[in-house]
Amino acid sequence: MKRLNLALAGFVGLAGLAVVGSGAFSTPPLDPGLESLSGDVARGAYLARASGCIACHTDVAGGGQPLAGGAPLESPFGTFHAPNLTTDPEHGIGAWTLQDFASAVRHGIAPDGSPYYPAFPYTFYTGFSDQDIADLWAAFRTVPGVSQPSKEQQLAFPYNIRQGLRFWKTLYFEPGRFEPDPDHDELHNRGAYLVEAAGHCAACHTPRNLLGVLDAEAPLTGADGLPGGGAAPPIHAAALKADGWSVDQLAYALRSGITPDGDVLGGSMGEVIRDGTGYLSNADLKAIATYLLVETD
């Protein structure tokens, strides 16, 4: 069965190359409205925290500089390395334009036209508004440049066939902005935005298939194969309620890392809290907890 699965994955990768050769793919459209927006540095820095940018792109354990490249992320597909996002013009994003940044974040396309692996959660960030992009860009432009090359991804065949990702995107990537649900209140919609888009909680807490596609039939039901061989628990409402969580307890845990029984959330979640959710406002933590615990039934 394993050989069959690998053969299938190899076929998908080679099929993707064939389709690419046929010219069936186009570059993402420009966003002309971006150029007229003024980015807010403070809001962008806050959104970067909420979105996990610092946690992934900074090698804290290795003493790395902020956003100069992350620690290795082991996965069933190989080892990923989050790249340098500082303003260094050679090794970071210092030579990028705002349009380059928008195409990368919302479409998974690098300035040279090559596709990014979905380990970079552009499939969630596609929900960012134009103002979100402008704010993030303004914040990233304040990060001191670090002359440190990004490390190459270390993936097994056929996942190392990067151009095959264009075929993957055609099958599984749906670009689109986050839209508030008019049938729900502001608290629900803020929680939905933070969980489903910025916070990309499903990236760790939803199982994936052999090709890295999230199981849409089992959202937030937990997943194995996290970096270091860990597992993410289910965080849908039924599971949280069964474990006795309340909105206030969950919001507090996302701030402090401390569970109701006095235990501490560690591993990957510990990093998320340390570099991300621990910086969020009380209102946003309550929105996340409410959405997960009440609205996802």
C-alpha atoms as a PDB file:
ATOM      1  CA  MET A   1       0.000   0.000   0.000  1.00  0.00           C
ATOM      2  CA  LYS A   2       2.854   2.372   0.842  1.00  0.00           C
ATOM      3  CA  ARG A   3       4.417   1.810  -2.582  1.00  0.00           C
ATOM      4  CA  LEU A   4       1.055   2.406  -4.218  1.00  0.00           C
ATOM      5  CA  ASN A   5       0.639   5.680  -2.348  1.00  0.00           C
ATOM      6  CA  LEU A   6       4.121   6.833  -3.311  1.00  0.00           C
ATOM      7  CA  ALA A   7       3.449   5.907  -6.907  1.00  0.00           C
ATOM      8  CA  LEU A   8       0.244   7.927  -6.805  1.00  0.00           C
ATOM      9  CA  ALA A   9       2.056  10.908  -5.349  1.00  0.00           C
ATOM     10  CA  GLY A  10       4.753  10.577  -7.991  1.00  0.00           C
ATOM     11  CA  PHE A  11       2.135  10.504 -10.710  1.00  0.00           C
ATOM     12  CA  VAL A  12       0.538  13.667  -9.349  1.00  0.00           C
ATOM     13  CA  GLY A  13       3.902  15.401  -9.296  1.00  0.00           C
ATOM     14  CA  LEU A  14       4.796  14.370 -12.845  1.00  0.00           C
ATOM     15  CA  ALA A  15       1.302  15.208 -14.068  1.00  0.00           C
ATOM     16  CA  GLY A  16       1.760  18.629 -12.567  1.00  0.00           C
ATOM     17  CA  LEU A  17       4.951  19.126 -14.526  1.00  0.00           C
ATOM     18  CA  ALA A  18       3.189  18.115 -17.708  1.00  0.00           C
ATOM     19  CA  VAL A  19       0.390  20.573 -17.095  1.00  0.00           C
ATOM     20  CA  VAL A  20       2.854  23.336 -16.265  1.00  0.00           C
ATOM     21  CA  GLY A  21       4.611  22.648 -19.540  1.00  0.00           C
ATOM     22  CA  SER A  22       1.360  23.160 -21.366  1.00  0.00           C
ATOM     23  CA  GLY A  23       1.067  26.718 -20.071  1.00  0.00           C
ATOM     24  CA  ALA A  24      -2.171  25.992 -18.230  1.00  0.00           C
ATOM     25  CA  PHE A  25      -1.265  28.136 -15.217  1.00  0.00           C
ATOM     26  CA  SER A  26      -1.238  31.888 -14.879  1.00  0.00           C
ATOM     27  CA  THR A  27       0.302  34.218 -12.336  1.00  0.00           C
ATOM     28  CA  PRO A  28      -1.995  35.617  -9.628  1.00  0.00           C
ATOM     29  CA  PRO A  29      -3.735  38.856 -10.520  1.00  0.00           C
ATOM     30  CA  LEU A  30      -2.296  42.147  -9.331  1.00  0.00           C
ATOM     31  CA  ASP A  31      -4.063  43.966  -6.538  1.00  0.00           C
ATOM     32  CA  PRO A  32      -3.988  47.593  -7.724  1.00  0.00           C
ATOM     33  CA  GLY A  33      -5.952  48.768  -4.701  1.00  0.00           C
ATOM     34  CA  LEU A  34      -3.033  47.903  -2.429  1.00  0.00           C
ATOM     35  CA  GLU A  35      -0.900  50.762  -3.660  1.00  0.00           C
ATOM     36  CA  SER A  36      -3.380  53.347  -2.391  1.00  0.00           C
ATOM     37  CA  LEU A  37      -3.481  51.966   1.151  1.00  0.00           C
ATOM     38  CA  SER A  38      -1.415  53.225   4.064  1.00  0.00           C
ATOM     39  CA  GLY A  39      -0.161  50.414   6.244  1.00  0.00           C
ATOM     40  CA  ASP A  40      -0.361  50.551  10.026  1.00  0.00           C
ATOM     41  CA  VAL A  41       2.885  49.219  11.550  1.00  0.00           C
ATOM     42  CA  ALA A  42       1.400  48.468  14.974  1.00  0.00           C
ATOM     43  CA  ARG A  43      -1.593  46.638  13.541  1.00  0.00           C
ATOM     44  CA  GLY A  44       0.684  44.733  11.166  1.00  0.00           C
ATOM     45  CA  ALA A  45       2.988  43.662  13.985  1.00  0.00           C
ATOM     46  CA  TYR A  46      -0.019  42.459  15.985  1.00  0.00           C
ATOM     47  CA  LEU A  47      -1.345  40.510  13.008  1.00  0.00           C
ATOM     48  CA  ALA A  48       2.095  38.973  12.442  1.00  0.00           C
ATOM     49  CA  ARG A  49       2.005  37.683  16.022  1.00  0.00           C
ATOM     50  CA  ALA A  50      -1.547  36.368  15.626  1.00  0.00           C
ATOM     51  CA  SER A  51      -0.565  34.661  12.369  1.00  0.00           C
ATOM     52  CA  GLY A  52       2.463  32.822  13.725  1.00  0.00           C
ATOM     53  CA  CYS A  53       5.048  34.636  11.606  1.00  0.00           C
ATOM     54  CA  ILE A  54       7.504  35.118  14.463  1.00  0.00           C
ATOM     55  CA  ALA A  55       7.084  31.585  15.781  1.00  0.00           C
ATOM     56  CA  CYS A  56       7.832  29.948  12.418  1.00  0.00           C
ATOM     57  CA  HIS A  57      10.440  32.301  10.998  1.00  0.00           C
ATOM     58  CA  THR A  58      12.634  32.728  14.079  1.00  0.00           C
ATOM     59  CA  ASP A  59      14.995  30.028  15.340  1.00  0.00           C
ATOM     60  CA  VAL A  60      14.640  30.856  19.023  1.00  0.00           C
ATOM     61  CA  ALA A  61      16.281  27.651  20.260  1.00  0.00           C
ATOM     62  CA  GLY A  62      19.236  28.193  17.948  1.00  0.00           C
ATOM     63  CA  GLY A  63      19.684  31.828  18.979  1.00  0.00           C
ATOM     64  CA  GLY A  64      18.561  33.166  15.606  1.00  0.00           C
ATOM     65  CA  GLN A  65      17.690  36.777  14.893  1.00  0.00           C
ATOM     66  CA  PRO A  66      13.976  37.702  14.647  1.00  0.00           C
ATOM     67  CA  LEU A  67      12.451  36.545  11.334  1.00  0.00           C
ATOM     68  CA  ALA A  68      15.860  35.565   9.933  1.00  0.00           C
ATOM     69  CA  GLY A  69      14.781  31.960   9.330  1.00  0.00           C
ATOM     70  CA  GLY A  70      13.094  29.323  11.434  1.00  0.00           C
ATOM     71  CA  ALA A  71      14.149  26.099  13.065  1.00  0.00           C
ATOM     72  CA  PRO A  72      13.785  22.879  11.030  1.00  0.00           C
ATOM     73  CA  LEU A  73      10.201  21.633  10.765  1.00  0.00           C
ATOM     74  CA  GLU A  74      10.122  17.871  10.413  1.00  0.00           C
ATOM     75  CA  SER A  75       7.144  16.351   8.644  1.00  0.00           C
ATOM     76  CA  PRO A  76       6.113  13.127   6.894  1.00  0.00           C
ATOM     77  CA  PHE A  77       7.146  14.826   3.632  1.00  0.00           C
ATOM     78  CA  GLY A  78      10.647  15.812   4.769  1.00  0.00           C
ATOM     79  CA  THR A  79      12.145  18.784   6.587  1.00  0.00           C
ATOM     80  CA  PHE A  80      10.956  22.314   5.898  1.00  0.00           C
ATOM     81  CA  HIS A  81      12.871  25.500   6.708  1.00  0.00           C
ATOM     82  CA  ALA A  82      10.979  28.783   7.083  1.00  0.00           C
ATOM     83  CA  PRO A  83      12.936  31.417   5.106  1.00  0.00           C
ATOM     84  CA  ASN A  84      14.495  34.745   6.025  1.00  0.00           C
ATOM     85  CA  LEU A  85      11.809  37.466   6.170  1.00  0.00           C
ATOM     86  CA  THR A  86      14.024  40.360   7.206  1.00  0.00           C
ATOM     87  CA  THR A  87      14.670  43.401   5.004  1.00  0.00           C
ATOM     88  CA  ASP A  88      18.019  42.082   3.773  1.00  0.00           C
ATOM     89  CA  PRO A  89      17.815  42.660  -0.019  1.00  0.00           C
ATOM     90  CA  GLU A  90      19.785  39.540  -0.950  1.00  0.00           C
ATOM     91  CA  HIS A  91      18.668  36.875   1.498  1.00  0.00           C
ATOM     92  CA  GLY A  92      15.408  38.339   2.812  1.00  0.00           C
ATOM     93  CA  ILE A  93      12.514  40.292   1.319  1.00  0.00           C
ATOM     94  CA  GLY A  94      14.215  43.684   1.146  1.00  0.00           C
ATOM     95  CA  ALA A  95      14.053  43.749  -2.656  1.00  0.00           C
ATOM     96  CA  TRP A  96      10.385  42.720  -2.809  1.00  0.00           C
ATOM     97  CA  THR A  97       7.520  44.976  -3.772  1.00  0.00           C
ATOM     98  CA  LEU A  98       4.161  45.187  -2.052  1.00  0.00           C
ATOM     99  CA  GLN A  99       2.679  43.193  -4.944  1.00  0.00           C
ATOM    100  CA  ASP A 100       5.358  40.513  -4.484  1.00  0.00           C
ATOM    101  CA  PHE A 101       4.410  40.288  -0.833  1.00  0.00           C
ATOM    102  CA  ALA A 102       0.675  40.055  -1.572  1.00  0.00           C
ATOM    103  CA  SER A 103       1.224  37.307  -4.163  1.00  0.00           C
ATOM    104  CA  ALA A 104       3.351  35.318  -1.721  1.00  0.00           C
ATOM    105  CA  VAL A 105       1.051  35.650   1.272  1.00  0.00           C
ATOM    106  CA  ARG A 106      -2.333  35.228  -0.425  1.00  0.00           C
ATOM    107  CA  HIS A 107      -1.439  33.053  -3.431  1.00  0.00           C
ATOM    108  CA  GLY A 108       1.698  31.121  -2.471  1.00  0.00           C
ATOM    109  CA  ILE A 109       3.729  32.474  -5.387  1.00  0.00           C
ATOM    110  CA  ALA A 110       7.318  33.726  -4.989  1.00  0.00           C
ATOM    111  CA  PRO A 111       8.554  36.830  -6.854  1.00  0.00           C
ATOM    112  CA  ASP A 112      10.286  34.577  -9.402  1.00  0.00           C
ATOM    113  CA  GLY A 113       6.987  32.822 -10.132  1.00  0.00           C
ATOM    114  CA  SER A 114       7.787  29.584  -8.327  1.00  0.00           C
ATOM    115  CA  PRO A 115       5.154  28.089  -5.984  1.00  0.00           C
ATOM    116  CA  TYR A 116       5.566  27.828  -2.231  1.00  0.00           C
ATOM    117  CA  TYR A 117       4.930  24.609  -0.356  1.00  0.00           C
ATOM    118  CA  PRO A 118       1.687  24.716   1.633  1.00  0.00           C
ATOM    119  CA  ALA A 119       3.759  24.300   4.797  1.00  0.00           C
ATOM    120  CA  PHE A 120       3.646  28.075   4.408  1.00  0.00           C
ATOM    121  CA  PRO A 121      -0.068  28.545   5.243  1.00  0.00           C
ATOM    122  CA  TYR A 122      -1.025  30.788   2.334  1.00  0.00           C
ATOM    123  CA  THR A 123      -4.086  28.562   1.938  1.00  0.00           C
ATOM    124  CA  PHE A 124      -5.323  30.263   5.131  1.00  0.00           C
ATOM    125  CA  TYR A 125      -3.752  33.684   4.597  1.00  0.00           C
ATOM    126  CA  THR A 126      -5.633  34.020   1.330  1.00  0.00           C
ATOM    127  CA  GLY A 127      -8.397  35.277   3.614  1.00  0.00           C
ATOM    128  CA  PHE A 128      -6.427  38.435   4.470  1.00  0.00           C
ATOM    129  CA  SER A 129      -7.923  41.716   3.322  1.00  0.00           C
ATOM    130  CA  ASP A 130      -6.013  44.331   1.323  1.00  0.00           C
ATOM    131  CA  GLN A 131      -5.634  46.343   4.526  1.00  0.00           C
ATOM    132  CA  ASP A 132      -4.223  43.292   6.323  1.00  0.00           C
ATOM    133  CA  ILE A 133      -1.596  42.938   3.606  1.00  0.00           C
ATOM    134  CA  ALA A 134      -0.718  46.647   3.697  1.00  0.00           C
ATOM    135  CA  ASP A 135      -0.372  46.541   7.491  1.00  0.00           C
ATOM    136  CA  LEU A 136       1.781  43.404   7.471  1.00  0.00           C
ATOM    137  CA  TRP A 137       3.987  44.885   4.766  1.00  0.00           C
ATOM    138  CA  ALA A 138       4.463  48.084   6.759  1.00  0.00           C
ATOM    139  CA  ALA A 139       5.468  46.059   9.812  1.00  0.00           C
ATOM    140  CA  PHE A 140       7.888  43.792   7.957  1.00  0.00           C
ATOM    141  CA  ARG A 141       9.595  46.815   6.418  1.00  0.00           C
ATOM    142  CA  THR A 142      10.702  47.841   9.936  1.00  0.00           C
ATOM    143  CA  VAL A 143      12.541  44.552  10.638  1.00  0.00           C
ATOM    144  CA  PRO A 144      16.351  44.981  10.555  1.00  0.00           C
ATOM    145  CA  GLY A 145      18.003  43.082   7.720  1.00  0.00           C
ATOM    146  CA  VAL A 146      19.975  39.947   8.539  1.00  0.00           C
ATOM    147  CA  SER A 147      22.408  38.693   5.908  1.00  0.00           C
ATOM    148  CA  GLN A 148      21.648  35.025   6.372  1.00  0.00           C
ATOM    149  CA  PRO A 149      20.694  32.746   3.476  1.00  0.00           C
ATOM    150  CA  SER A 150      17.471  30.780   3.755  1.00  0.00           C
ATOM    151  CA  LYS A 151      17.984  27.037   3.973  1.00  0.00           C
ATOM    152  CA  GLU A 152      16.832  24.733   1.211  1.00  0.00           C
ATOM    153  CA  GLN A 153      13.878  22.451   1.820  1.00  0.00           C
ATOM    154  CA  GLN A 154      14.909  18.830   2.362  1.00  0.00           C
ATOM    155  CA  LEU A 155      12.093  16.739   0.952  1.00  0.00           C
ATOM    156  CA  ALA A 156      11.861  13.201  -0.355  1.00  0.00           C
ATOM    157  CA  PHE A 157      10.757  12.339  -3.896  1.00  0.00           C
ATOM    158  CA  PRO A 158       8.224  13.164  -5.261  1.00  0.00           C
ATOM    159  CA  TYR A 159       7.568  16.055  -2.866  1.00  0.00           C
ATOM    160  CA  ASN A 160      10.802  17.730  -3.935  1.00  0.00           C
ATOM    161  CA  ILE A 161       9.326  18.335  -7.398  1.00  0.00           C
ATOM    162  CA  ARG A 162       8.377  21.903  -6.598  1.00  0.00           C
ATOM    163  CA  GLN A 163       6.737  22.700  -9.915  1.00  0.00           C
ATOM    164  CA  GLY A 164       4.274  19.890  -9.258  1.00  0.00           C
ATOM    165  CA  LEU A 165       2.778  22.186  -6.635  1.00  0.00           C
ATOM    166  CA  ARG A 166       1.092  24.137  -9.432  1.00  0.00           C
ATOM    167  CA  PHE A 167      -1.029  21.086 -10.154  1.00  0.00           C
ATOM    168  CA  TRP A 168      -1.640  20.633  -6.418  1.00  0.00           C
ATOM    169  CA  LYS A 169      -2.870  24.216  -6.179  1.00  0.00           C
ATOM    170  CA  THR A 170      -5.231  23.735  -9.099  1.00  0.00           C
ATOM    171  CA  LEU A 171      -6.829  20.813  -7.292  1.00  0.00           C
ATOM    172  CA  TYR A 172      -6.830  22.009  -3.712  1.00  0.00           C
ATOM    173  CA  PHE A 173      -6.264  25.757  -3.354  1.00  0.00           C
ATOM    174  CA  GLU A 174      -9.234  28.122  -3.376  1.00  0.00           C
ATOM    175  CA  PRO A 175      -8.196  31.783  -3.116  1.00  0.00           C
ATOM    176  CA  GLY A 176     -10.644  34.159  -1.485  1.00  0.00           C
ATOM    177  CA  ARG A 177     -10.990  36.796   1.206  1.00  0.00           C
ATOM    178  CA  PHE A 178     -12.509  36.121   4.606  1.00  0.00           C
ATOM    179  CA  GLU A 179     -16.137  37.216   4.660  1.00  0.00           C
ATOM    180  CA  PRO A 180     -18.004  37.801   7.942  1.00  0.00           C
ATOM    181  CA  ASP A 181     -21.140  35.718   8.350  1.00  0.00           C
ATOM    182  CA  PRO A 182     -24.132  38.102   8.503  1.00  0.00           C
ATOM    183  CA  ASP A 183     -26.047  35.517  10.531  1.00  0.00           C
ATOM    184  CA  HIS A 184     -23.571  35.764  13.403  1.00  0.00           C
ATOM    185  CA  ASP A 185     -22.409  38.554  15.677  1.00  0.00           C
ATOM    186  CA  GLU A 186     -19.098  40.409  15.729  1.00  0.00           C
ATOM    187  CA  LEU A 187     -17.597  38.125  18.390  1.00  0.00           C
ATOM    188  CA  HIS A 188     -18.264  35.047  16.280  1.00  0.00           C
ATOM    189  CA  ASN A 189     -16.844  36.629  13.128  1.00  0.00           C
ATOM    190  CA  ARG A 190     -13.713  37.879  14.873  1.00  0.00           C
ATOM    191  CA  GLY A 191     -13.153  34.411  16.299  1.00  0.00           C
ATOM    192  CA  ALA A 192     -13.744  32.812  12.917  1.00  0.00           C
ATOM    193  CA  TYR A 193     -11.208  35.148  11.288  1.00  0.00           C
ATOM    194  CA  LEU A 194      -8.554  34.434  13.921  1.00  0.00           C
ATOM    195  CA  VAL A 195      -9.121  30.658  13.922  1.00  0.00           C
ATOM    196  CA  GLU A 196      -9.787  29.999  10.233  1.00  0.00           C
ATOM    197  CA  ALA A 197      -7.535  32.605   8.586  1.00  0.00           C
ATOM    198  CA  ALA A 198      -4.868  34.373  10.638  1.00  0.00           C
ATOM    199  CA  GLY A 199      -4.309  31.726  13.301  1.00  0.00           C
ATOM    200  CA  HIS A 200      -4.634  28.831  10.802  1.00  0.00           C
ATOM    201  CA  CYS A 201      -5.469  26.452  13.658  1.00  0.00           C
ATOM    202  CA  ALA A 202      -6.546  23.729  11.242  1.00  0.00           C
ATOM    203  CA  ALA A 203      -3.002  23.512   9.867  1.00  0.00           C
ATOM    204  CA  CYS A 204      -2.006  21.538  12.967  1.00  0.00           C
ATOM    205  CA  HIS A 205      -5.318  20.352  14.387  1.00  0.00           C
ATOM    206  CA  THR A 206      -6.854  18.780  11.260  1.00  0.00           C
ATOM    207  CA  PRO A 207      -5.593  15.525   9.699  1.00  0.00           C
ATOM    208  CA  ARG A 208      -4.053  15.519   6.219  1.00  0.00           C
ATOM    209  CA  ASN A 209      -3.827  12.937   3.472  1.00  0.00           C
ATOM    210  CA  LEU A 210      -0.710  11.733   1.657  1.00  0.00           C
ATOM    211  CA  LEU A 211      -0.596  14.903  -0.438  1.00  0.00           C
ATOM    212  CA  GLY A 212      -0.884  17.239   2.522  1.00  0.00           C
ATOM    213  CA  VAL A 213      -4.536  18.093   1.934  1.00  0.00           C
ATOM    214  CA  LEU A 214      -6.630  18.859   5.002  1.00  0.00           C
ATOM    215  CA  ASP A 215      -9.522  16.487   5.643  1.00  0.00           C
ATOM    216  CA  ALA A 216     -12.551  18.731   5.163  1.00  0.00           C
ATOM    217  CA  GLU A 217     -14.760  16.049   6.730  1.00  0.00           C
ATOM    218  CA  ALA A 218     -12.827  16.102  10.010  1.00  0.00           C
ATOM    219  CA  PRO A 219     -12.057  19.750  10.855  1.00  0.00           C
ATOM    220  CA  LEU A 220     -10.161  20.376  14.097  1.00  0.00           C
ATOM    221  CA  THR A 221     -10.379  16.699  15.095  1.00  0.00           C
ATOM    222  CA  GLY A 222      -6.657  16.440  15.865  1.00  0.00           C
ATOM    223  CA  ALA A 223      -3.705  15.239  13.828  1.00  0.00           C
ATOM    224  CA  ASP A 224      -0.433  13.342  14.066  1.00  0.00           C
ATOM    225  CA  GLY A 225       2.850  14.094  12.356  1.00  0.00           C
ATOM    226  CA  LEU A 226       3.693  17.449  13.905  1.00  0.00           C
ATOM    227  CA  PRO A 227       7.327  18.604  13.980  1.00  0.00           C
ATOM    228  CA  GLY A 228       9.305  16.313  16.241  1.00  0.00           C
ATOM    229  CA  GLY A 229       6.709  13.555  15.934  1.00  0.00           C
ATOM    230  CA  GLY A 230       4.102  15.177  18.162  1.00  0.00           C
ATOM    231  CA  ALA A 231       0.344  15.209  17.826  1.00  0.00           C
ATOM    232  CA  ALA A 232      -2.252  17.983  18.024  1.00  0.00           C
ATOM    233  CA  PRO A 233      -5.411  17.213  20.022  1.00  0.00           C
ATOM    234  CA  PRO A 234      -8.954  17.799  18.798  1.00  0.00           C
ATOM    235  CA  ILE A 235     -10.143  21.345  19.495  1.00  0.00           C
ATOM    236  CA  HIS A 236     -13.688  21.300  18.128  1.00  0.00           C
ATOM    237  CA  ALA A 237     -16.451  22.228  20.552  1.00  0.00           C
ATOM    238  CA  ALA A 238     -17.555  18.700  21.449  1.00  0.00           C
ATOM    239  CA  ALA A 239     -14.029  17.632  22.368  1.00  0.00           C
ATOM    240  CA  LEU A 240     -13.326  20.788  24.356  1.00  0.00           C
ATOM    241  CA  LYS A 241     -16.599  20.488  26.267  1.00  0.00           C
ATOM    242  CA  ALA A 242     -15.935  16.804  26.994  1.00  0.00           C
ATOM    243  CA  ASP A 243     -12.625  17.853  28.569  1.00  0.00           C
ATOM    244  CA  GLY A 244     -14.400  20.422  30.717  1.00  0.00           C
ATOM    245  CA  TRP A 245     -13.102  23.632  29.132  1.00  0.00           C
ATOM    246  CA  SER A 246     -14.946  26.924  29.564  1.00  0.00           C
ATOM    247  CA  VAL A 247     -14.509  30.047  27.453  1.00  0.00           C
ATOM    248  CA  ASP A 248     -12.602  31.811  30.224  1.00  0.00           C
ATOM    249  CA  GLN A 249     -10.341  28.818  30.860  1.00  0.00           C
ATOM    250  CA  LEU A 250      -9.495  28.424  27.202  1.00  0.00           C
ATOM    251  CA  ALA A 251      -8.798  32.131  26.764  1.00  0.00           C
ATOM    252  CA  TYR A 252      -6.525  32.044  29.827  1.00  0.00           C
ATOM    253  CA  ALA A 253      -4.657  28.984  28.506  1.00  0.00           C
ATOM    254  CA  LEU A 254      -4.057  30.713  25.186  1.00  0.00           C
ATOM    255  CA  ARG A 255      -2.533  33.616  27.130  1.00  0.00           C
ATOM    256  CA  SER A 256      -0.531  31.727  29.753  1.00  0.00           C
ATOM    257  CA  GLY A 257      -0.139  28.156  28.552  1.00  0.00           C
ATOM    258  CA  ILE A 258      -1.648  26.912  31.823  1.00  0.00           C
ATOM    259  CA  THR A 259      -4.552  24.446  31.699  1.00  0.00           C
ATOM    260  CA  PRO A 260      -7.406  24.292  34.246  1.00  0.00           C
ATOM    261  CA  ASP A 261      -5.741  21.367  36.067  1.00  0.00           C
ATOM    262  CA  GLY A 262      -2.468  23.272  36.438  1.00  0.00           C
ATOM    263  CA  ASP A 263      -0.624  21.492  33.627  1.00  0.00           C
ATOM    264  CA  VAL A 264       1.314  23.422  30.992  1.00  0.00           C
ATOM    265  CA  LEU A 265       0.771  23.337  27.230  1.00  0.00           C
ATOM    266  CA  GLY A 266       4.132  22.488  25.698  1.00  0.00           C
ATOM    267  CA  GLY A 267       5.629  21.391  22.410  1.00  0.00           C
ATOM    268  CA  SER A 268       4.438  23.202  19.304  1.00  0.00           C
ATOM    269  CA  MET A 269       1.519  24.755  21.183  1.00  0.00           C
ATOM    270  CA  GLY A 270       3.920  26.170  23.728  1.00  0.00           C
ATOM    271  CA  GLU A 271       5.721  27.980  20.914  1.00  0.00           C
ATOM    272  CA  VAL A 272       2.426  29.269  19.514  1.00  0.00           C
ATOM    273  CA  ILE A 273       1.567  30.749  22.899  1.00  0.00           C
ATOM    274  CA  ARG A 274       5.061  32.120  23.581  1.00  0.00           C
ATOM    275  CA  ASP A 275       5.391  33.889  20.234  1.00  0.00           C
ATOM    276  CA  GLY A 276       1.767  34.379  19.224  1.00  0.00           C
ATOM    277  CA  THR A 277      -1.390  34.049  21.267  1.00  0.00           C
ATOM    278  CA  GLY A 278       0.320  35.242  24.453  1.00  0.00           C
ATOM    279  CA  TYR A 279       0.436  38.699  22.854  1.00  0.00           C
ATOM    280  CA  LEU A 280      -3.216  38.874  21.829  1.00  0.00           C
ATOM    281  CA  SER A 281      -5.772  41.132  23.466  1.00  0.00           C
ATOM    282  CA  ASN A 282      -8.253  39.752  25.976  1.00  0.00           C
ATOM    283  CA  ALA A 283     -11.042  40.487  23.506  1.00  0.00           C
ATOM    284  CA  ASP A 284      -9.378  38.436  20.760  1.00  0.00           C
ATOM    285  CA  LEU A 285      -8.613  35.540  23.103  1.00  0.00           C
ATOM    286  CA  LYS A 286     -12.262  35.502  24.150  1.00  0.00           C
ATOM    287  CA  ALA A 287     -13.320  35.574  20.487  1.00  0.00           C
ATOM    288  CA  ILE A 288     -11.112  32.572  19.696  1.00  0.00           C
ATOM    289  CA  ALA A 289     -12.307  30.628  22.728  1.00  0.00           C
ATOM    290  CA  THR A 290     -15.949  31.432  22.046  1.00  0.00           C
ATOM    291  CA  TYR A 291     -15.713  30.436  18.397  1.00  0.00           C
ATOM    292  CA  LEU A 292     -13.994  27.143  19.191  1.00  0.00           C
ATOM    293  CA  LEU A 293     -16.036  26.214  22.226  1.00  0.00           C
ATOM    294  CA  VAL A 294     -19.486  27.479  21.286  1.00  0.00           C
ATOM    295  CA  GLU A 295     -19.715  28.049  17.549  1.00  0.00           C
ATOM    296  CA  THR A 296     -18.029  24.961  16.095  1.00  0.00           C
ATOM    297  CA  ASP A 297     -20.656  22.431  17.219  1.00  0.00           C
END
